[in-house]
Amino acid sequence: MWEVVVDADKCTGAELCVENCPTSVYEMVEGKAVPTNADECIGCGTCMEVCPTGACLVTEID
């Protein structure tokens, strides 16, 4: 299971996480990425790789 967090202060609304997430975890809400489907996260880390500001964080939880 994965915890998906977006630091709203760091998010600039580039939408790269939304466009590149293979399981559609993110949606844009008021210009910011929000993990609305976090239960679908497979922990691939693509969002962290493509986010230019480091706003996305995916961590494994027990």
Protein backbone atom coordinates (compact mmCIF):
# COMPACT_ATOMS: atom_id res chain seq x y z
CA MET A 1 0.00 0.00 0.00
CA TRP A 2 1.21 3.48 -0.85
CA GLU A 3 0.70 6.91 0.67
CA VAL A 4 0.48 9.66 -1.93
CA VAL A 5 0.96 13.28 -0.88
CA VAL A 6 1.21 16.52 -2.83
CA ASP A 7 2.75 19.55 -1.12
CA ALA A 8 0.30 22.23 -2.28
CA ASP A 9 2.82 24.98 -1.49
CA LYS A 10 5.32 23.43 -3.93
CA CYS A 11 2.83 22.44 -6.64
CA THR A 12 2.89 24.88 -9.56
CA GLY A 13 0.18 23.11 -11.55
CA ALA A 14 2.47 21.77 -14.27
CA GLU A 15 0.12 18.75 -14.63
CA LEU A 16 3.02 16.39 -15.38
CA CYS A 17 1.98 14.00 -12.61
CA VAL A 18 -1.57 13.95 -14.00
CA GLU A 19 -0.35 13.31 -17.55
CA ASN A 20 2.26 10.67 -16.66
CA CYS A 21 0.69 8.63 -13.86
CA PRO A 22 -0.09 5.18 -15.32
CA THR A 23 -3.01 4.63 -12.94
CA SER A 24 -4.61 8.12 -12.96
CA VAL A 25 -4.01 8.83 -9.28
CA TYR A 26 -4.02 12.62 -9.74
CA GLU A 27 -6.56 15.21 -10.81
CA MET A 28 -6.19 18.97 -11.03
CA VAL A 29 -8.26 20.85 -8.45
CA GLU A 30 -8.12 24.65 -8.43
CA GLY A 31 -4.80 24.59 -10.29
CA LYS A 32 -3.10 22.06 -8.01
CA ALA A 33 -2.54 18.32 -8.33
CA VAL A 34 -4.56 16.28 -5.87
CA PRO A 35 -4.24 12.50 -5.36
CA THR A 36 -7.98 11.83 -5.68
CA ASN A 37 -7.43 8.16 -6.54
CA ALA A 38 -4.57 7.37 -4.18
CA ASP A 39 -5.84 3.80 -3.70
CA GLU A 40 -4.84 3.12 -7.32
CA CYS A 41 -1.16 4.01 -6.73
CA ILE A 42 1.28 1.23 -7.65
CA GLY A 43 4.33 2.99 -6.18
CA CYS A 44 6.16 3.41 -9.49
CA GLY A 45 7.46 6.88 -8.56
CA THR A 46 6.81 8.39 -11.98
CA CYS A 47 5.10 11.39 -10.42
CA MET A 48 8.15 12.14 -8.29
CA GLU A 49 10.43 11.83 -11.31
CA VAL A 50 8.46 14.21 -13.53
CA CYS A 51 7.48 16.84 -10.94
CA PRO A 52 9.75 19.85 -11.51
CA THR A 53 9.28 21.15 -7.96
CA GLY A 54 9.34 17.92 -5.96
CA ALA A 55 5.76 18.41 -4.78
CA CYS A 56 4.78 14.74 -5.18
CA LEU A 57 5.77 12.20 -2.57
CA VAL A 58 4.97 8.48 -2.64
CA THR A 59 5.93 6.32 0.32
CA GLU A 60 5.22 2.71 1.17
CA ILE A 61 3.08 2.16 4.23
CA ASP A 62 2.51 -1.02 6.20
